[in-house]
């Protein structure tokens, strides 16, 4: 059974983190991945990021709404699809806000001149992520995704 986790890998060399990012894109169960970099002057940047599920809520809710609206005919299908897409879009906007809060939380772990590779992954086994970490001489820190999401929501509310 796959376990949904947020996994972080710390890097002293931002270039090495960017190379690891490219390798991470092939991990099984990967949902999202990002690189957080902090410059020597303390400036934080997110130069790379990939969300494999972007747009799914909008498309899925639009399709369901369209199918439900078919009972009322073509106009019902159009209105159902539009309403569903609007609902899905709202859900994605909420998720983006939570992702922003998550990045703020994670940024505390990035010291000046270093970087952090962040993975949102459903792990059937820890091996692939651990192998990635070993290849780059770092350690994978894991947190249950539900626990991390709760911390991010709390941070977002307190901000």
Protein backbone atom coordinates (compact mmCIF):
# COMPACT_ATOMS: atom_id res chain seq x y z
CA UNK A 1 0.00 0.00 0.00
CA UNK A 2 1.38 3.40 -0.99
CA UNK A 3 1.97 5.99 1.72
CA UNK A 4 1.48 9.66 0.84
CA UNK A 5 4.43 11.69 2.15
CA UNK A 6 6.28 14.94 1.86
CA UNK A 7 9.98 14.17 1.53
CA UNK A 8 12.80 16.72 1.71
CA UNK A 9 16.43 16.33 0.68
CA UNK A 10 18.87 19.07 1.75
CA UNK A 11 21.75 20.10 -0.52
CA UNK A 12 24.76 22.29 0.19
CA UNK A 13 25.26 22.80 -3.56
CA UNK A 14 22.24 24.29 -5.39
CA UNK A 15 23.50 23.01 -8.77
CA UNK A 16 23.58 19.45 -7.45
CA UNK A 17 20.01 19.92 -6.20
CA UNK A 18 18.90 20.97 -9.68
CA UNK A 19 20.46 17.81 -11.17
CA UNK A 20 18.70 15.71 -8.51
CA UNK A 21 15.44 17.47 -9.43
CA UNK A 22 15.74 16.12 -12.98
CA UNK A 23 16.25 12.60 -11.59
CA UNK A 24 13.34 13.00 -9.18
CA UNK A 25 10.92 13.61 -12.07
CA UNK A 26 11.15 9.88 -12.82
CA UNK A 27 10.27 8.68 -9.31
CA UNK A 28 7.27 6.34 -9.08
CA UNK A 29 4.27 7.90 -7.33
CA UNK A 30 5.57 11.47 -7.70
CA UNK A 31 2.81 14.08 -7.44
CA UNK A 32 4.82 17.30 -7.05
CA UNK A 33 8.46 18.28 -6.86
CA UNK A 34 10.16 21.63 -6.28
CA UNK A 35 13.56 23.13 -5.58
CA UNK A 36 13.87 25.82 -2.92
CA UNK A 37 17.10 27.82 -3.02
CA UNK A 38 18.35 30.47 -0.65
CA UNK A 39 21.07 32.76 -1.97
CA UNK A 40 24.00 33.87 0.16
CA UNK A 41 22.14 37.15 0.83
CA UNK A 42 19.12 35.27 2.24
CA UNK A 43 16.86 35.67 -0.82
CA UNK A 44 14.59 32.64 -1.34
CA UNK A 45 13.75 31.35 -4.82
CA UNK A 46 11.77 28.42 -6.22
CA UNK A 47 13.53 28.02 -9.59
CA UNK A 48 12.07 24.63 -10.47
CA UNK A 49 8.74 22.98 -9.80
CA UNK A 50 6.44 20.41 -11.35
CA UNK A 51 2.89 19.46 -10.40
CA UNK A 52 1.80 16.26 -12.12
CA UNK A 53 -1.81 16.82 -11.03
CA UNK A 54 -2.27 20.44 -12.09
CA UNK A 55 -5.65 21.03 -13.68
CA UNK A 56 -7.12 17.68 -12.66
CA UNK A 57 -9.74 19.16 -10.33
CA UNK A 58 -10.94 21.63 -12.96
CA UNK A 59 -11.11 19.07 -15.76
CA UNK A 60 -12.59 16.33 -13.57
CA UNK A 61 -15.29 18.49 -12.02
CA UNK A 62 -16.14 19.94 -15.43
CA UNK A 63 -16.53 16.48 -16.93
CA UNK A 64 -18.71 15.26 -14.06
CA UNK A 65 -20.84 18.40 -14.25
CA UNK A 66 -21.27 17.94 -17.99
CA UNK A 67 -22.31 14.33 -17.59
CA UNK A 68 -24.81 15.19 -14.88
CA UNK A 69 -26.18 18.01 -17.00
CA UNK A 70 -26.82 15.66 -19.93
CA UNK A 71 -30.08 14.65 -18.26
CA UNK A 72 -31.35 18.17 -19.02
CA UNK A 73 -30.15 18.09 -22.64
CA UNK A 74 -27.32 19.89 -24.45
CA UNK A 75 -27.80 23.19 -22.64
CA UNK A 76 -27.83 21.34 -19.29
CA UNK A 77 -24.58 19.61 -20.23
CA UNK A 78 -22.98 22.95 -21.09
CA UNK A 79 -24.17 24.59 -17.87
CA UNK A 80 -23.17 21.55 -15.81
CA UNK A 81 -19.70 21.46 -17.34
CA UNK A 82 -19.25 25.19 -16.75
CA UNK A 83 -20.40 24.98 -13.12
CA UNK A 84 -18.22 21.93 -12.52
CA UNK A 85 -15.17 23.61 -14.03
CA UNK A 86 -15.76 26.71 -11.89
CA UNK A 87 -15.95 24.56 -8.75
CA UNK A 88 -12.81 22.66 -9.74
CA UNK A 89 -10.98 25.90 -10.41
CA UNK A 90 -11.92 27.17 -6.96
CA UNK A 91 -10.59 23.99 -5.39
CA UNK A 92 -7.31 24.38 -7.27
CA UNK A 93 -6.97 27.99 -6.14
CA UNK A 94 -7.42 26.85 -2.53
CA UNK A 95 -4.77 24.15 -3.04
CA UNK A 96 -2.37 26.76 -4.46
CA UNK A 97 -2.78 28.83 -1.30
CA UNK A 98 -1.98 25.79 0.83
CA UNK A 99 1.06 25.06 -1.36
CA UNK A 100 2.27 28.63 -0.79
CA UNK A 101 1.98 28.11 2.97
CA UNK A 102 3.87 24.82 2.63
CA UNK A 103 6.72 26.58 0.84
CA UNK A 104 6.89 29.15 3.62
CA UNK A 105 7.14 26.35 6.20
CA UNK A 106 9.80 24.53 4.22
CA UNK A 107 11.83 27.68 3.62
CA UNK A 108 12.81 27.67 7.29
CA UNK A 109 14.92 24.56 6.53
CA UNK A 110 16.91 26.29 3.78
CA UNK A 111 20.03 28.06 5.04
CA UNK A 112 21.84 30.78 3.11
CA UNK A 113 23.70 29.32 0.11
CA UNK A 114 21.87 25.96 0.23
CA UNK A 115 18.87 24.34 -1.39
CA UNK A 116 16.11 21.86 -0.62
CA UNK A 117 14.49 19.32 -2.94
CA UNK A 118 10.86 18.81 -1.92
CA UNK A 119 8.88 15.78 -3.06
CA UNK A 120 5.15 15.13 -2.69
CA UNK A 121 5.07 11.41 -3.36
CA UNK A 122 2.94 8.32 -2.82
CA UNK A 123 5.57 5.78 -1.87
CA UNK A 124 4.84 2.09 -2.36
CA UNK A 125 8.39 1.54 -1.06
CA UNK A 126 11.03 3.89 0.32
CA UNK A 127 13.75 2.45 -1.91
CA UNK A 128 13.52 4.77 -4.94
CA UNK A 129 13.68 7.99 -2.90
CA UNK A 130 16.41 6.59 -0.64
CA UNK A 131 18.43 5.59 -3.72
CA UNK A 132 18.06 9.13 -5.08
CA UNK A 133 19.25 10.56 -1.76
CA UNK A 134 22.20 8.15 -1.63
CA UNK A 135 23.23 9.04 -5.19
CA UNK A 136 23.59 12.68 -4.16
CA UNK A 137 25.01 12.16 -0.67
CA UNK A 138 22.00 13.45 1.24
CA UNK A 139 19.29 12.02 3.48
CA UNK A 140 15.56 11.80 2.83
CA UNK A 141 13.44 13.33 5.61
CA UNK A 142 9.86 12.04 5.49
CA UNK A 143 6.63 13.38 6.96
CA UNK A 144 3.15 12.01 6.49
CA UNK A 145 1.37 14.23 3.95
CA UNK A 146 -1.70 14.66 6.17
CA UNK A 147 0.42 15.84 9.09
CA UNK A 148 2.36 18.21 6.86
CA UNK A 149 -0.86 19.57 5.30
CA UNK A 150 -2.26 20.24 8.78
CA UNK A 151 0.88 22.20 9.70
CA UNK A 152 0.64 24.16 6.43
CA UNK A 153 -3.05 24.99 6.99
CA UNK A 154 -2.26 26.21 10.51
CA UNK A 155 0.58 28.37 9.18
CA UNK A 156 -1.70 29.76 6.45
CA UNK A 157 -4.39 30.67 9.00
CA UNK A 158 -1.83 32.29 11.31
CA UNK A 159 -0.21 34.31 8.52
